[in-house]
Amino acid sequence: MPRPTAAQFFYGSATVVFSALAMLVLFRTESGFGVAAVGTAALALGLLVALALPPRTKAARKATSPPTAARTHRTIEDIEIAAAQRERVGEHSLHR
């Protein structure tokens, strides 16, 4: 089962809160049974809203790796630069 997105949490929660407040004001319930019914209806409505949002889609891989021939062709300068970078990895950033 996929995890819900932040938008689904937000819209579902907002729906529960605002629909519960609206129903409590409109129906003017004071009994415990009425408040429980309003809460249950608000939760059901919030669940429906959260599930109605479109599911998360995985981003298609747009970046492809270069062909192997392009990766293996390296000049001596490239190799020297890479070696110098590997040597500087352990150095502190303030040392020059």
N, C-alpha and C. Protein backbone atom coordinates (compact mmCIF):
# COMPACT_ATOMS: atom_id res chain seq x y z
N MET A 1 0.85 -1.17 0.00
CA MET A 1 0.00 0.00 0.00
C MET A 1 0.89 1.24 0.00
N PRO A 2 0.68 2.16 -0.93
CA PRO A 2 1.54 3.35 -0.98
C PRO A 2 1.28 4.28 0.19
N ARG A 3 2.32 4.98 0.57
CA ARG A 3 2.19 5.93 1.67
C ARG A 3 1.44 7.18 1.20
N PRO A 4 0.65 7.77 2.08
CA PRO A 4 -0.06 8.99 1.69
C PRO A 4 0.92 10.17 1.57
N THR A 5 0.59 11.06 0.69
CA THR A 5 1.44 12.24 0.49
C THR A 5 1.09 13.31 1.52
N ALA A 6 1.92 14.33 1.57
CA ALA A 6 1.67 15.44 2.48
C ALA A 6 0.38 16.17 2.11
N ALA A 7 0.12 16.25 0.82
CA ALA A 7 -1.12 16.92 0.37
C ALA A 7 -2.35 16.14 0.83
N GLN A 8 -2.27 14.82 0.79
CA GLN A 8 -3.40 14.01 1.24
C GLN A 8 -3.63 14.20 2.74
N PHE A 9 -2.55 14.23 3.52
CA PHE A 9 -2.69 14.48 4.96
C PHE A 9 -3.31 15.85 5.22
N PHE A 10 -2.80 16.85 4.51
CA PHE A 10 -3.26 18.22 4.73
C PHE A 10 -4.74 18.38 4.37
N TYR A 11 -5.10 17.97 3.16
CA TYR A 11 -6.49 18.16 2.72
C TYR A 11 -7.46 17.31 3.54
N GLY A 12 -7.07 16.10 3.89
CA GLY A 12 -7.93 15.27 4.71
C GLY A 12 -8.14 15.86 6.10
N SER A 13 -7.05 16.32 6.73
CA SER A 13 -7.15 16.91 8.06
C SER A 13 -7.97 18.20 8.04
N ALA A 14 -7.72 19.04 7.04
CA ALA A 14 -8.46 20.30 6.94
C ALA A 14 -9.95 20.03 6.72
N THR A 15 -10.26 19.02 5.93
CA THR A 15 -11.66 18.67 5.70
C THR A 15 -12.33 18.21 6.98
N VAL A 16 -11.63 17.39 7.76
CA VAL A 16 -12.20 16.91 9.03
C VAL A 16 -12.50 18.09 9.95
N VAL A 17 -11.53 18.97 10.12
CA VAL A 17 -11.70 20.09 11.06
C VAL A 17 -12.82 21.02 10.61
N PHE A 18 -12.76 21.46 9.37
CA PHE A 18 -13.74 22.45 8.92
C PHE A 18 -15.14 21.86 8.75
N SER A 19 -15.24 20.61 8.31
CA SER A 19 -16.57 20.03 8.18
C SER A 19 -17.18 19.75 9.56
N ALA A 20 -16.35 19.35 10.53
CA ALA A 20 -16.88 19.13 11.88
C ALA A 20 -17.37 20.44 12.48
N LEU A 21 -16.60 21.50 12.33
CA LEU A 21 -17.05 22.80 12.84
C LEU A 21 -18.32 23.27 12.16
N ALA A 22 -18.38 23.11 10.85
CA ALA A 22 -19.57 23.55 10.11
C ALA A 22 -20.81 22.76 10.52
N MET A 23 -20.65 21.44 10.67
CA MET A 23 -21.82 20.64 11.05
C MET A 23 -22.26 20.92 12.48
N LEU A 24 -21.29 21.16 13.37
CA LEU A 24 -21.66 21.47 14.75
C LEU A 24 -22.41 22.80 14.83
N VAL A 25 -21.98 23.76 14.02
CA VAL A 25 -22.67 25.05 14.03
C VAL A 25 -24.04 24.94 13.36
N LEU A 26 -24.12 24.24 12.25
CA LEU A 26 -25.38 24.14 11.52
C LEU A 26 -26.43 23.32 12.27
N PHE A 27 -26.03 22.20 12.85
CA PHE A 27 -27.00 21.33 13.51
C PHE A 27 -27.23 21.71 14.98
N ARG A 28 -26.36 22.50 15.54
CA ARG A 28 -26.46 22.94 16.94
C ARG A 28 -26.72 21.77 17.88
N THR A 29 -25.89 20.75 17.73
CA THR A 29 -26.06 19.57 18.58
C THR A 29 -25.42 19.82 19.94
N GLU A 30 -26.09 19.33 20.96
CA GLU A 30 -25.56 19.44 22.31
C GLU A 30 -25.46 18.08 22.98
N SER A 31 -26.08 17.07 22.40
CA SER A 31 -26.03 15.74 23.00
C SER A 31 -24.74 15.03 22.60
N GLY A 32 -24.33 14.10 23.41
CA GLY A 32 -23.12 13.34 23.13
C GLY A 32 -23.25 12.50 21.87
N PHE A 33 -24.45 11.94 21.66
CA PHE A 33 -24.67 11.15 20.46
C PHE A 33 -24.56 12.01 19.20
N GLY A 34 -25.09 13.22 19.24
CA GLY A 34 -25.02 14.12 18.07
C GLY A 34 -23.59 14.53 17.76
N VAL A 35 -22.81 14.82 18.80
CA VAL A 35 -21.41 15.20 18.60
C VAL A 35 -20.63 14.02 18.03
N ALA A 36 -20.91 12.81 18.53
CA ALA A 36 -20.23 11.62 18.01
C ALA A 36 -20.60 11.38 16.55
N ALA A 37 -21.85 11.59 16.20
CA ALA A 37 -22.28 11.41 14.81
C ALA A 37 -21.62 12.43 13.90
N VAL A 38 -21.52 13.68 14.36
CA VAL A 38 -20.86 14.72 13.56
C VAL A 38 -19.39 14.38 13.40
N GLY A 39 -18.73 13.93 14.45
CA GLY A 39 -17.31 13.57 14.37
C GLY A 39 -17.07 12.41 13.42
N THR A 40 -17.94 11.42 13.49
CA THR A 40 -17.82 10.27 12.59
C THR A 40 -18.03 10.69 11.14
N ALA A 41 -19.01 11.52 10.90
CA ALA A 41 -19.27 11.99 9.54
C ALA A 41 -18.10 12.84 9.02
N ALA A 42 -17.53 13.66 9.89
CA ALA A 42 -16.40 14.49 9.48
C ALA A 42 -15.18 13.63 9.16
N LEU A 43 -14.93 12.59 9.95
CA LEU A 43 -13.81 11.69 9.67
C LEU A 43 -14.01 10.96 8.35
N ALA A 44 -15.23 10.50 8.10
CA ALA A 44 -15.51 9.80 6.84
C ALA A 44 -15.33 10.75 5.66
N LEU A 45 -15.79 11.96 5.78
CA LEU A 45 -15.63 12.94 4.71
C LEU A 45 -14.15 13.26 4.47
N GLY A 46 -13.38 13.40 5.54
CA GLY A 46 -11.95 13.66 5.40
C GLY A 46 -11.22 12.52 4.73
N LEU A 47 -11.62 11.29 5.05
CA LEU A 47 -11.02 10.12 4.41
C LEU A 47 -11.34 10.09 2.93
N LEU A 48 -12.57 10.41 2.58
CA LEU A 48 -12.95 10.45 1.16
C LEU A 48 -12.17 11.50 0.39
N VAL A 49 -11.98 12.67 1.00
CA VAL A 49 -11.23 13.73 0.33
C VAL A 49 -9.77 13.32 0.15
N ALA A 50 -9.18 12.72 1.18
CA ALA A 50 -7.78 12.31 1.08
C ALA A 50 -7.59 11.24 0.03
N LEU A 51 -8.52 10.32 -0.08
CA LEU A 51 -8.39 9.25 -1.07
C LEU A 51 -8.72 9.72 -2.48
N ALA A 52 -9.46 10.82 -2.60
CA ALA A 52 -9.83 11.32 -3.92
C ALA A 52 -8.67 12.03 -4.61
N LEU A 53 -7.65 12.45 -3.85
CA LEU A 53 -6.51 13.10 -4.47
C LEU A 53 -5.75 12.10 -5.32
N PRO A 54 -5.14 12.56 -6.41
CA PRO A 54 -4.41 11.62 -7.27
C PRO A 54 -3.21 11.04 -6.53
N PRO A 55 -2.89 9.78 -6.78
CA PRO A 55 -1.77 9.17 -6.09
C PRO A 55 -0.44 9.74 -6.57
N ARG A 56 0.57 9.52 -5.77
CA ARG A 56 1.92 9.99 -6.08
C ARG A 56 2.44 9.20 -7.28
N THR A 57 3.08 9.92 -8.21
CA THR A 57 3.67 9.26 -9.35
C THR A 57 5.18 9.33 -9.23
N LYS A 58 5.82 8.28 -9.65
CA LYS A 58 7.28 8.26 -9.61
C LYS A 58 7.82 9.02 -10.81
N ALA A 59 8.81 9.84 -10.56
CA ALA A 59 9.40 10.64 -11.63
C ALA A 59 10.15 9.71 -12.59
N ALA A 60 9.93 9.94 -13.85
CA ALA A 60 10.62 9.14 -14.85
C ALA A 60 12.08 9.54 -14.89
N ARG A 61 12.91 8.57 -15.10
CA ARG A 61 14.34 8.86 -15.18
C ARG A 61 14.63 9.54 -16.51
N LYS A 62 15.01 10.79 -16.42
CA LYS A 62 15.32 11.53 -17.64
C LYS A 62 16.82 11.52 -17.91
N ALA A 63 17.60 11.51 -16.86
CA ALA A 63 19.04 11.53 -17.02
C ALA A 63 19.53 10.11 -17.27
N THR A 64 20.18 9.94 -18.38
CA THR A 64 20.74 8.64 -18.69
C THR A 64 22.25 8.72 -18.57
N SER A 65 22.85 7.61 -18.27
CA SER A 65 24.31 7.60 -18.15
C SER A 65 24.93 7.69 -19.54
N PRO A 66 26.08 8.31 -19.62
CA PRO A 66 26.72 8.42 -20.93
C PRO A 66 27.17 7.05 -21.42
N PRO A 67 27.35 6.91 -22.70
CA PRO A 67 27.81 5.63 -23.22
C PRO A 67 29.17 5.26 -22.61
N THR A 68 29.46 3.98 -22.59
CA THR A 68 30.71 3.53 -21.96
C THR A 68 31.94 4.07 -22.66
N ALA A 69 31.86 4.27 -23.96
CA ALA A 69 33.02 4.80 -24.68
C ALA A 69 33.32 6.22 -24.22
N ALA A 70 32.31 7.01 -23.93
CA ALA A 70 32.52 8.39 -23.48
C ALA A 70 33.07 8.41 -22.07
N ARG A 71 32.71 7.43 -21.26
CA ARG A 71 33.20 7.42 -19.89
C ARG A 71 34.65 6.94 -19.81
N THR A 72 35.07 6.08 -20.71
CA THR A 72 36.42 5.54 -20.62
C THR A 72 37.46 6.44 -21.26
N HIS A 73 37.05 7.38 -22.09
CA HIS A 73 37.99 8.27 -22.74
C HIS A 73 38.34 9.41 -21.79
N ARG A 74 39.53 9.33 -21.21
CA ARG A 74 39.98 10.35 -20.28
C ARG A 74 41.38 10.79 -20.68
N THR A 75 41.60 12.06 -20.56
CA THR A 75 42.92 12.59 -20.87
C THR A 75 43.80 12.53 -19.62
N ILE A 76 45.08 12.76 -19.81
CA ILE A 76 46.01 12.76 -18.69
C ILE A 76 45.67 13.89 -17.73
N GLU A 77 45.22 15.01 -18.28
CA GLU A 77 44.84 16.14 -17.42
C GLU A 77 43.66 15.76 -16.52
N ASP A 78 42.70 15.04 -17.06
CA ASP A 78 41.56 14.60 -16.26
C ASP A 78 42.02 13.69 -15.13
N ILE A 79 42.94 12.80 -15.42
CA ILE A 79 43.43 11.88 -14.41
C ILE A 79 44.19 12.63 -13.32
N GLU A 80 45.02 13.62 -13.72
CA GLU A 80 45.77 14.40 -12.74
C GLU A 80 44.83 15.23 -11.86
N ILE A 81 43.80 15.80 -12.45
CA ILE A 81 42.84 16.59 -11.68
C ILE A 81 42.11 15.70 -10.68
N ALA A 82 41.72 14.52 -11.12
CA ALA A 82 41.02 13.59 -10.22
C ALA A 82 41.92 13.16 -9.07
N ALA A 83 43.21 12.92 -9.37
CA ALA A 83 44.15 12.52 -8.31
C ALA A 83 44.35 13.65 -7.31
N ALA A 84 44.44 14.89 -7.81
CA ALA A 84 44.60 16.04 -6.91
C ALA A 84 43.37 16.22 -6.04
N GLN A 85 42.20 15.99 -6.60
CA GLN A 85 40.96 16.12 -5.81
C GLN A 85 40.88 15.04 -4.74
N ARG A 86 41.33 13.82 -5.06
CA ARG A 86 41.31 12.76 -4.06
C ARG A 86 42.27 13.07 -2.92
N GLU A 87 43.41 13.71 -3.21
CA GLU A 87 44.37 14.07 -2.17
C GLU A 87 43.80 15.14 -1.24
N ARG A 88 42.99 16.04 -1.78
CA ARG A 88 42.48 17.16 -0.99
C ARG A 88 41.23 16.81 -0.20
N VAL A 89 40.70 15.63 -0.35
CA VAL A 89 39.48 15.26 0.35
C VAL A 89 39.66 15.33 1.85
N GLY A 90 40.80 14.88 2.36
CA GLY A 90 41.02 14.84 3.80
C GLY A 90 41.45 16.17 4.39
N GLU A 91 41.76 17.15 3.57
CA GLU A 91 42.22 18.43 4.07
C GLU A 91 41.08 19.25 4.64
N HIS A 92 41.39 20.10 5.58
CA HIS A 92 40.41 21.02 6.14
C HIS A 92 40.18 22.14 5.14
N SER A 93 39.00 22.70 5.12
CA SER A 93 38.66 23.70 4.13
C SER A 93 39.43 25.01 4.31
N LEU A 94 39.95 25.27 5.52
CA LEU A 94 40.67 26.51 5.75
C LEU A 94 42.14 26.40 5.37
N HIS A 95 42.68 25.20 5.17
CA HIS A 95 44.06 25.02 4.75
C HIS A 95 44.17 25.26 3.28
N ARG A 96 45.19 26.00 2.89
CA ARG A 96 45.38 26.26 1.46
C ARG A 96 46.74 25.84 1.03
